C-alpha atoms as a PDB file:
ATOM      1  CA  MET A   1     111.985 -10.620  39.518  1.00  0.00           C
ATOM      2  CA  LEU A   2     112.390  -8.131  36.651  1.00  0.00           C
ATOM      3  CA  LYS A   3     109.694  -5.919  38.166  1.00  0.00           C
ATOM      4  CA  ASN A   4     111.455  -5.922  41.567  1.00  0.00           C
ATOM      5  CA  ASN A   5     114.767  -4.942  39.922  1.00  0.00           C
ATOM      6  CA  ARG A   6     113.069  -2.073  38.125  1.00  0.00           C
ATOM      7  CA  ILE A   7     111.606  -0.771  41.394  1.00  0.00           C
ATOM      8  CA  TYR A   8     115.013  -1.108  43.053  1.00  0.00           C
ATOM      9  CA  TYR A   9     116.728   0.947  40.355  1.00  0.00           C
ATOM     10  CA  LEU A  10     114.003   3.598  40.464  1.00  0.00           C
ATOM     11  CA  VAL A  11     114.345   3.940  44.247  1.00  0.00           C
ATOM     12  CA  PHE A  12     118.131   4.009  43.964  1.00  0.00           C
ATOM     13  CA  ALA A  13     117.995   6.672  41.256  1.00  0.00           C
ATOM     14  CA  LEU A  14     115.621   8.759  43.394  1.00  0.00           C
ATOM     15  CA  ILE A  15     117.936   8.518  46.406  1.00  0.00           C
ATOM     16  CA  VAL A  16     120.930   9.551  44.276  1.00  0.00           C
ATOM     17  CA  PHE A  17     118.977  12.462  42.817  1.00  0.00           C
ATOM     18  CA  VAL A  18     117.791  13.736  46.224  1.00  0.00           C
ATOM     19  CA  THR A  19     121.260  13.308  47.761  1.00  0.00           C
ATOM     20  CA  THR A  20     122.913  15.141  44.869  1.00  0.00           C
ATOM     21  CA  SER A  21     120.291  17.855  44.907  1.00  0.00           C
ATOM     22  CA  CYS A  22     120.723  18.425  48.655  1.00  0.00           C
ATOM     23  CA  SER A  23     124.500  18.411  48.278  1.00  0.00           C
ATOM     24  CA  GLU A  24     124.326  21.030  45.507  1.00  0.00           C
ATOM     25  CA  TYR A  25     121.974  23.165  47.576  1.00  0.00           C
ATOM     26  CA  GLN A  26     124.247  23.027  50.622  1.00  0.00           C
ATOM     27  CA  LYS A  27     127.192  24.120  48.458  1.00  0.00           C
ATOM     28  CA  LEU A  28     125.059  26.958  47.137  1.00  0.00           C
ATOM     29  CA  VAL A  29     124.131  28.096  50.655  1.00  0.00           C
ATOM     30  CA  LYS A  30     127.808  28.246  51.630  1.00  0.00           C
ATOM     31  CA  SER A  31     128.819  29.976  48.401  1.00  0.00           C
ATOM     32  CA  SER A  32     129.713  33.671  48.208  1.00  0.00           C
ATOM     33  CA  ASP A  33     128.610  33.831  44.565  1.00  0.00           C
ATOM     34  CA  TYR A  34     125.566  36.021  45.154  1.00  0.00           C
ATOM     35  CA  GLU A  35     124.666  36.309  41.486  1.00  0.00           C
ATOM     36  CA  LEU A  36     124.405  32.524  41.298  1.00  0.00           C
ATOM     37  CA  LYS A  37     122.392  32.479  44.523  1.00  0.00           C
ATOM     38  CA  PHE A  38     120.007  35.034  43.066  1.00  0.00           C
ATOM     39  CA  GLU A  39     119.560  33.042  39.835  1.00  0.00           C
ATOM     40  CA  LYS A  40     118.981  29.809  41.757  1.00  0.00           C
ATOM     41  CA  ALA A  41     116.592  31.508  44.204  1.00  0.00           C
ATOM     42  CA  VAL A  42     114.477  32.664  41.264  1.00  0.00           C
ATOM     43  CA  GLU A  43     114.675  29.184  39.762  1.00  0.00           C
ATOM     44  CA  TYR A  44     113.580  27.551  43.037  1.00  0.00           C
ATOM     45  CA  TYR A  45     110.755  30.080  43.349  1.00  0.00           C
ATOM     46  CA  GLU A  46     109.484  29.458  39.820  1.00  0.00           C
ATOM     47  CA  ASN A  47     109.549  25.705  40.525  1.00  0.00           C
ATOM     48  CA  GLU A  48     107.549  26.355  43.727  1.00  0.00           C
ATOM     49  CA  ASP A  49     110.373  25.100  45.919  1.00  0.00           C
ATOM     50  CA  TYR A  50     109.616  27.934  48.328  1.00  0.00           C
ATOM     51  CA  TYR A  51     111.636  26.615  51.238  1.00  0.00           C
ATOM     52  CA  LYS A  52     114.956  26.678  49.366  1.00  0.00           C
ATOM     53  CA  ALA A  53     114.115  29.941  47.629  1.00  0.00           C
ATOM     54  CA  GLN A  54     113.150  31.575  50.912  1.00  0.00           C
ATOM     55  CA  SER A  55     116.409  30.587  52.606  1.00  0.00           C
ATOM     56  CA  LEU A  56     118.481  32.144  49.824  1.00  0.00           C
ATOM     57  CA  LEU A  57     116.308  35.244  49.524  1.00  0.00           C
ATOM     58  CA  GLU A  58     116.604  36.011  53.242  1.00  0.00           C
ATOM     59  CA  GLU A  59     120.373  36.338  52.828  1.00  0.00           C
ATOM     60  CA  LEU A  60     120.166  38.179  49.515  1.00  0.00           C
ATOM     61  CA  ARG A  61     117.756  40.754  50.904  1.00  0.00           C
ATOM     62  CA  SER A  62     120.495  42.399  52.958  1.00  0.00           C
ATOM     63  CA  ILE A  63     123.179  41.875  50.275  1.00  0.00           C
ATOM     64  CA  TYR A  64     121.205  43.633  47.535  1.00  0.00           C
ATOM     65  CA  ARG A  65     119.459  46.275  49.630  1.00  0.00           C
ATOM     66  CA  GLY A  66     119.231  49.515  47.650  1.00  0.00           C
ATOM     67  CA  THR A  67     120.027  47.859  44.303  1.00  0.00           C
ATOM     68  CA  ASP A  68     117.889  47.071  41.264  1.00  0.00           C
ATOM     69  CA  LYS A  69     117.437  43.482  42.458  1.00  0.00           C
ATOM     70  CA  ALA A  70     116.047  44.467  45.867  1.00  0.00           C
ATOM     71  CA  GLU A  71     112.446  44.905  44.732  1.00  0.00           C
ATOM     72  CA  LYS A  72     112.350  41.502  43.072  1.00  0.00           C
ATOM     73  CA  ILE A  73     113.943  39.834  46.103  1.00  0.00           C
ATOM     74  CA  ASN A  74     111.426  41.385  48.504  1.00  0.00           C
ATOM     75  CA  TYR A  75     108.556  40.437  46.206  1.00  0.00           C
ATOM     76  CA  TYR A  76     109.647  36.809  45.891  1.00  0.00           C
ATOM     77  CA  GLN A  77     110.393  36.528  49.597  1.00  0.00           C
ATOM     78  CA  ALA A  78     106.854  37.592  50.503  1.00  0.00           C
ATOM     79  CA  TYR A  79     105.413  35.088  48.043  1.00  0.00           C
ATOM     80  CA  CYS A  80     107.615  32.315  49.430  1.00  0.00           C
ATOM     81  CA  SER A  81     106.102  32.817  52.886  1.00  0.00           C
ATOM     82  CA  TYR A  82     102.667  32.870  51.285  1.00  0.00           C
ATOM     83  CA  GLY A  83     103.399  29.657  49.382  1.00  0.00           C
ATOM     84  CA  LEU A  84     104.615  27.970  52.578  1.00  0.00           C
ATOM     85  CA  GLY A  85     101.416  28.930  54.424  1.00  0.00           C
ATOM     86  CA  GLU A  86     103.223  31.375  56.734  1.00  0.00           C
ATOM     87  CA  TYR A  87     100.386  33.848  56.368  1.00  0.00           C
ATOM     88  CA  SER A  88     101.168  36.119  59.295  1.00  0.00           C
ATOM     89  CA  LEU A  89     104.744  36.598  58.074  1.00  0.00           C
ATOM     90  CA  ALA A  90     103.566  36.908  54.475  1.00  0.00           C
ATOM     91  CA  ALA A  91     101.133  39.674  55.452  1.00  0.00           C
ATOM     92  CA  TYR A  92     103.979  41.552  57.121  1.00  0.00           C
ATOM     93  CA  LEU A  93     106.256  41.104  54.088  1.00  0.00           C
ATOM     94  CA  PHE A  94     103.559  42.146  51.606  1.00  0.00           C
ATOM     95  CA  LYS A  95     102.861  45.284  53.643  1.00  0.00           C
ATOM     96  CA  ASP A  96     106.569  45.971  53.931  1.00  0.00           C
ATOM     97  CA  PHE A  97     106.937  45.630  50.161  1.00  0.00           C
ATOM     98  CA  ALA A  98     104.133  48.145  49.601  1.00  0.00           C
ATOM     99  CA  ARG A  99     105.828  50.520  52.035  1.00  0.00           C
ATOM    100  CA  LEU A 100     109.235  50.185  50.400  1.00  0.00           C
ATOM    101  CA  TYR A 101     107.974  50.297  46.808  1.00  0.00           C
ATOM    102  CA  PRO A 102     104.736  52.331  46.727  1.00  0.00           C
ATOM    103  CA  SER A 103     105.131  53.010  42.983  1.00  0.00           C
ATOM    104  CA  SER A 104     105.745  49.368  42.068  1.00  0.00           C
ATOM    105  CA  GLU A 105     103.535  47.685  39.502  1.00  0.00           C
ATOM    106  CA  HIS A 106     102.917  45.082  42.223  1.00  0.00           C
ATOM    107  CA  ALA A 107     101.788  47.570  44.900  1.00  0.00           C
ATOM    108  CA  GLN A 108      98.038  46.985  44.506  1.00  0.00           C
ATOM    109  CA  GLU A 109      98.530  43.232  44.242  1.00  0.00           C
ATOM    110  CA  VAL A 110     100.541  42.918  47.463  1.00  0.00           C
ATOM    111  CA  GLU A 111      98.298  45.243  49.452  1.00  0.00           C
ATOM    112  CA  TYR A 112      95.348  43.024  48.606  1.00  0.00           C
ATOM    113  CA  LEU A 113      97.331  39.925  49.516  1.00  0.00           C
ATOM    114  CA  ALA A 114      98.333  41.393  52.881  1.00  0.00           C
ATOM    115  CA  ALA A 115      94.643  41.702  53.743  1.00  0.00           C
ATOM    116  CA  TYR A 116      93.912  38.263  52.285  1.00  0.00           C
ATOM    117  CA  CYS A 117      96.622  36.658  54.432  1.00  0.00           C
ATOM    118  CA  TYR A 118      94.934  38.005  57.548  1.00  0.00           C
ATOM    119  CA  TYR A 119      91.622  36.682  56.201  1.00  0.00           C
ATOM    120  CA  LEU A 120      93.148  33.204  55.836  1.00  0.00           C
ATOM    121  CA  ILE A 121      94.259  33.122  59.486  1.00  0.00           C
ATOM    122  CA  SER A 122      91.080  34.687  60.849  1.00  0.00           C
ATOM    123  CA  PRO A 123      89.850  32.071  63.379  1.00  0.00           C
ATOM    124  CA  GLU A 124      86.420  30.738  64.283  1.00  0.00           C
ATOM    125  CA  PRO A 125      84.131  33.186  66.158  1.00  0.00           C
ATOM    126  CA  SER A 126      84.799  31.487  69.494  1.00  0.00           C
ATOM    127  CA  ILE A 127      88.484  32.484  69.288  1.00  0.00           C
ATOM    128  CA  GLU A 128      89.997  35.929  69.887  1.00  0.00           C
ATOM    129  CA  GLN A 129      89.454  37.993  66.730  1.00  0.00           C
ATOM    130  CA  THR A 130      92.629  40.081  66.356  1.00  0.00           C
ATOM    131  CA  TYR A 131      93.372  38.766  62.856  1.00  0.00           C
ATOM    132  CA  THR A 132      89.747  39.217  61.792  1.00  0.00           C
ATOM    133  CA  LYS A 133      89.871  42.884  62.749  1.00  0.00           C
ATOM    134  CA  ALA A 134      93.257  43.279  61.063  1.00  0.00           C
ATOM    135  CA  ALA A 135      91.879  41.764  57.843  1.00  0.00           C
ATOM    136  CA  ILE A 136      88.876  44.093  57.849  1.00  0.00           C
ATOM    137  CA  GLN A 137      91.118  47.098  58.419  1.00  0.00           C
ATOM    138  CA  GLU A 138      93.505  46.113  55.625  1.00  0.00           C
ATOM    139  CA  PHE A 139      90.664  45.451  53.178  1.00  0.00           C
ATOM    140  CA  GLN A 140      89.096  48.815  53.990  1.00  0.00           C
ATOM    141  CA  ILE A 141      92.415  50.564  53.401  1.00  0.00           C
ATOM    142  CA  PHE A 142      92.734  48.689  50.110  1.00  0.00           C
ATOM    143  CA  LEU A 143      89.204  49.624  48.992  1.00  0.00           C
ATOM    144  CA  GLU A 144      89.720  53.284  49.829  1.00  0.00           C
ATOM    145  CA  LYS A 145      93.062  53.366  48.019  1.00  0.00           C
ATOM    146  CA  TYR A 146      91.928  51.384  44.974  1.00  0.00           C
ATOM    147  CA  PRO A 147      88.175  52.082  44.527  1.00  0.00           C
ATOM    148  CA  ASP A 148      88.241  50.853  40.907  1.00  0.00           C
ATOM    149  CA  SER A 149      90.192  47.668  41.551  1.00  0.00           C
ATOM    150  CA  GLU A 150      88.984  44.492  39.880  1.00  0.00           C
ATOM    151  CA  LYS A 151      89.312  42.946  43.352  1.00  0.00           C
ATOM    152  CA  ARG A 152      86.742  45.342  44.827  1.00  0.00           C
ATOM    153  CA  GLU A 153      83.762  42.961  44.732  1.00  0.00           C
ATOM    154  CA  GLU A 154      85.771  40.062  46.135  1.00  0.00           C
ATOM    155  CA  ALA A 155      87.220  42.273  48.889  1.00  0.00           C
ATOM    156  CA  ASN A 156      83.728  43.445  49.905  1.00  0.00           C
ATOM    157  CA  GLU A 157      82.486  39.853  50.041  1.00  0.00           C
ATOM    158  CA  LEU A 158      85.383  38.862  52.291  1.00  0.00           C
ATOM    159  CA  VAL A 159      84.779  41.865  54.551  1.00  0.00           C
ATOM    160  CA  ASP A 160      81.152  40.756  54.919  1.00  0.00           C
ATOM    161  CA  LYS A 161      82.300  37.267  55.986  1.00  0.00           C
ATOM    162  CA  LEU A 162      84.764  38.728  58.465  1.00  0.00           C
ATOM    163  CA  GLN A 163      82.165  41.136  59.814  1.00  0.00           C
ATOM    164  CA  TYR A 164      79.783  38.233  60.325  1.00  0.00           C
ATOM    165  CA  LYS A 165      82.401  36.530  62.511  1.00  0.00           C
ATOM    166  CA  LEU A 166      82.587  39.596  64.738  1.00  0.00           C
ATOM    167  CA  GLU A 167      78.785  39.770  64.927  1.00  0.00           C
ATOM    168  CA  THR A 168      78.591  36.071  65.764  1.00  0.00           C
ATOM    169  CA  LYS A 169      81.163  36.392  68.530  1.00  0.00           C
ATOM    170  CA  ALA A 170      79.391  39.453  69.990  1.00  0.00           C
ATOM    171  CA  PHE A 171      76.012  37.725  69.810  1.00  0.00           C
ATOM    172  CA  ASN A 172      77.282  34.498  71.376  1.00  0.00           C
ATOM    173  CA  ASN A 173      78.904  36.421  74.214  1.00  0.00           C
ATOM    174  CA  ALA A 174      75.682  38.324  74.884  1.00  0.00           C
ATOM    175  CA  TYR A 175      73.490  35.225  74.578  1.00  0.00           C
ATOM    176  CA  LEU A 176      75.661  33.443  77.126  1.00  0.00           C
ATOM    177  CA  PHE A 177      74.272  35.798  79.798  1.00  0.00           C
ATOM    178  CA  PHE A 178      70.764  34.676  78.839  1.00  0.00           C
ATOM    179  CA  ASN A 179      71.727  31.015  79.034  1.00  0.00           C
ATOM    180  CA  ILE A 180      73.119  31.374  82.561  1.00  0.00           C
ATOM    181  CA  GLY A 181      70.060  33.309  83.714  1.00  0.00           C
ATOM    182  CA  ASP A 182      71.662  36.744  84.058  1.00  0.00           C
ATOM    183  CA  TYR A 183      68.783  38.421  82.233  1.00  0.00           C
ATOM    184  CA  LYS A 184      69.702  41.992  83.066  1.00  0.00           C
ATOM    185  CA  ALA A 185      73.209  41.576  81.628  1.00  0.00           C
ATOM    186  CA  ALA A 186      71.744  39.719  78.650  1.00  0.00           C
ATOM    187  CA  ILE A 187      69.417  42.602  77.784  1.00  0.00           C
ATOM    188  CA  THR A 188      72.203  45.163  78.063  1.00  0.00           C
ATOM    189  CA  SER A 189      74.654  43.072  76.029  1.00  0.00           C
ATOM    190  CA  LEU A 190      72.151  42.181  73.310  1.00  0.00           C
ATOM    191  CA  LYS A 191      71.164  45.824  72.863  1.00  0.00           C
ATOM    192  CA  LEU A 192      74.840  46.717  72.624  1.00  0.00           C
ATOM    193  CA  VAL A 193      75.246  44.203  69.778  1.00  0.00           C
ATOM    194  CA  LEU A 194      72.482  46.043  67.907  1.00  0.00           C
ATOM    195  CA  THR A 195      74.203  49.350  68.542  1.00  0.00           C
ATOM    196  CA  ASP A 196      77.503  48.040  67.213  1.00  0.00           C
ATOM    197  CA  TYR A 197      75.983  46.033  64.343  1.00  0.00           C
ATOM    198  CA  PRO A 198      72.591  47.599  63.459  1.00  0.00           C
ATOM    199  CA  ASP A 199      72.247  45.535  60.258  1.00  0.00           C
ATOM    200  CA  THR A 200      73.276  42.226  61.801  1.00  0.00           C
ATOM    201  CA  ASP A 201      71.651  39.003  60.630  1.00  0.00           C
ATOM    202  CA  TYR A 202      71.031  38.252  64.320  1.00  0.00           C
ATOM    203  CA  ARG A 203      68.690  41.232  64.698  1.00  0.00           C
ATOM    204  CA  GLU A 204      65.469  39.189  64.785  1.00  0.00           C
ATOM    205  CA  LYS A 205      66.826  36.692  67.307  1.00  0.00           C
ATOM    206  CA  ILE A 206      68.225  39.510  69.449  1.00  0.00           C
ATOM    207  CA  LEU A 207      64.959  41.446  69.583  1.00  0.00           C
ATOM    208  CA  PHE A 208      63.024  38.307  70.450  1.00  0.00           C
ATOM    209  CA  THR A 209      65.511  37.310  73.141  1.00  0.00           C
ATOM    210  CA  VAL A 210      65.229  40.794  74.666  1.00  0.00           C
ATOM    211  CA  ILE A 211      61.458  40.212  75.037  1.00  0.00           C
ATOM    212  CA  LYS A 212      61.983  36.863  76.686  1.00  0.00           C
ATOM    213  CA  ALA A 213      64.810  38.099  78.925  1.00  0.00           C
ATOM    214  CA  SER A 214      62.759  41.161  79.927  1.00  0.00           C
ATOM    215  CA  PHE A 215      59.807  38.983  80.902  1.00  0.00           C
ATOM    216  CA  LEU A 216      61.927  36.510  82.879  1.00  0.00           C
ATOM    217  CA  LEU A 217      63.734  39.391  84.582  1.00  0.00           C
ATOM    218  CA  ALA A 218      60.403  40.900  85.593  1.00  0.00           C
ATOM    219  CA  GLU A 219      59.104  37.545  86.779  1.00  0.00           C
ATOM    220  CA  ASN A 220      62.124  37.111  89.059  1.00  0.00           C
ATOM    221  CA  SER A 221      62.229  40.685  90.332  1.00  0.00           C
ATOM    222  CA  VAL A 222      61.200  42.123  93.668  1.00  0.00           C
ATOM    223  CA  GLU A 223      57.677  43.559  93.712  1.00  0.00           C
ATOM    224  CA  SER A 224      58.824  47.167  93.497  1.00  0.00           C
ATOM    225  CA  LYS A 225      60.490  46.547  90.124  1.00  0.00           C
ATOM    226  CA  LYS A 226      58.009  44.150  88.528  1.00  0.00           C
ATOM    227  CA  LYS A 227      55.711  46.734  86.907  1.00  0.00           C
ATOM    228  CA  GLU A 228      58.560  48.649  85.272  1.00  0.00           C
ATOM    229  CA  ARG A 229      60.098  45.482  83.917  1.00  0.00           C
ATOM    230  CA  TYR A 230      56.838  44.093  82.574  1.00  0.00           C
ATOM    231  CA  ASN A 231      56.387  47.431  80.818  1.00  0.00           C
ATOM    232  CA  ASN A 232      59.852  46.955  79.357  1.00  0.00           C
ATOM    233  CA  THR A 233      58.694  43.577  78.063  1.00  0.00           C
ATOM    234  CA  ILE A 234      55.728  45.237  76.366  1.00  0.00           C
ATOM    235  CA  GLU A 235      57.984  47.844  74.763  1.00  0.00           C
ATOM    236  CA  ALA A 236      60.379  45.136  73.604  1.00  0.00           C
ATOM    237  CA  TYR A 237      57.458  43.247  72.046  1.00  0.00           C
ATOM    238  CA  LEU A 238      56.235  46.333  70.164  1.00  0.00           C
ATOM    239  CA  THR A 239      59.735  46.935  68.815  1.00  0.00           C
ATOM    240  CA  PHE A 240      59.966  43.316  67.707  1.00  0.00           C
ATOM    241  CA  VAL A 241      56.580  43.360  65.946  1.00  0.00           C
ATOM    242  CA  ASP A 242      57.396  46.649  64.256  1.00  0.00           C
ATOM    243  CA  ASN A 243      60.616  45.178  62.848  1.00  0.00           C
ATOM    244  CA  PHE A 244      59.498  41.603  62.149  1.00  0.00           C
ATOM    245  CA  PRO A 245      55.706  41.482  61.740  1.00  0.00           C
ATOM    246  CA  LYS A 246      55.881  38.125  59.927  1.00  0.00           C
ATOM    247  CA  SER A 247      58.381  36.434  62.211  1.00  0.00           C
ATOM    248  CA  ASP A 248      57.721  32.797  63.119  1.00  0.00           C
ATOM    249  CA  LYS A 249      58.330  33.894  66.718  1.00  0.00           C
ATOM    250  CA  ILE A 250      55.332  36.252  66.792  1.00  0.00           C
ATOM    251  CA  LYS A 251      52.997  33.880  68.619  1.00  0.00           C
ATOM    252  CA  GLU A 252      55.555  33.094  71.301  1.00  0.00           C
ATOM    253  CA  ALA A 253      56.331  36.792  71.662  1.00  0.00           C
ATOM    254  CA  GLU A 254      52.601  37.537  72.038  1.00  0.00           C
ATOM    255  CA  LYS A 255      52.442  35.236  75.054  1.00  0.00           C
ATOM    256  CA  PHE A 256      55.052  37.306  76.875  1.00  0.00           C
ATOM    257  CA  TYR A 257      53.227  40.465  75.818  1.00  0.00           C
ATOM    258  CA  ASN A 258      49.771  39.291  76.895  1.00  0.00           C
ATOM    259  CA  ASN A 259      51.033  37.860  80.189  1.00  0.00           C
ATOM    260  CA  SER A 260      52.776  41.142  80.917  1.00  0.00           C
ATOM    261  CA  LEU A 261      49.552  43.070  80.268  1.00  0.00           C
ATOM    262  CA  LYS A 262      47.545  40.766  82.530  1.00  0.00           C
ATOM    263  CA  ILE A 263      50.023  41.045  85.388  1.00  0.00           C
ATOM    264  CA  ILE A 264      50.134  44.848  85.120  1.00  0.00           C
ATOM    265  CA  ASP A 265      46.282  45.015  85.073  1.00  0.00           C
ATOM    266  CA  LYS A 266      46.163  43.082  88.310  1.00  0.00           C
END
């Protein structure tokens, strides 16, 4: 019974605290005491109550525009969006801060975070990659502007991850043509991936697939085009061997090569 009473009083105390806290906050929102609002916004921010801080800071931004407090308000507002997981908005606010206060001690910090926000909302390769491209662009701008930044190595690592997403999407799109049997389109698309991403991790798989697609295209071609396309298979094989002489796909590639030679000899 004593235990139940203790729980009851704890719950009651919590309800009173929350109700009072909300009541005080609502009074603060309606107040015209902007100095108090600023102090409380900073207090909410420091306590990681980003929702309340953000609401107050949005109003204060216009009130204190052009004053000494403006920089701090803009800085905290951007971080509130970041803390709430509103990464697209946070990226915009971080960039806007850097634009408004290029000489700020926080300029490098927020420019990195703008890029990082885009990185956080960069989707899987199967999705449209607008944010991925935006993140790469922002990181590149950051690296050019701050070549000696302590964030340089981390930024380069994140760019590599983002770049890999773009490569994966491009490869998957090209490989789809192979899967549906459109070998001519597959060859063209796969070669375009190599043009756009010459150092891609998919290079070996692409070169092998070009051999296979070239052979299958030749096999399904009209007689007048067979010889040319079998020759293309041979050329694709030689390119593959030159680049990946120890590939575990060599034996399979040799079959396409040897079959192409035999058919041409006939």
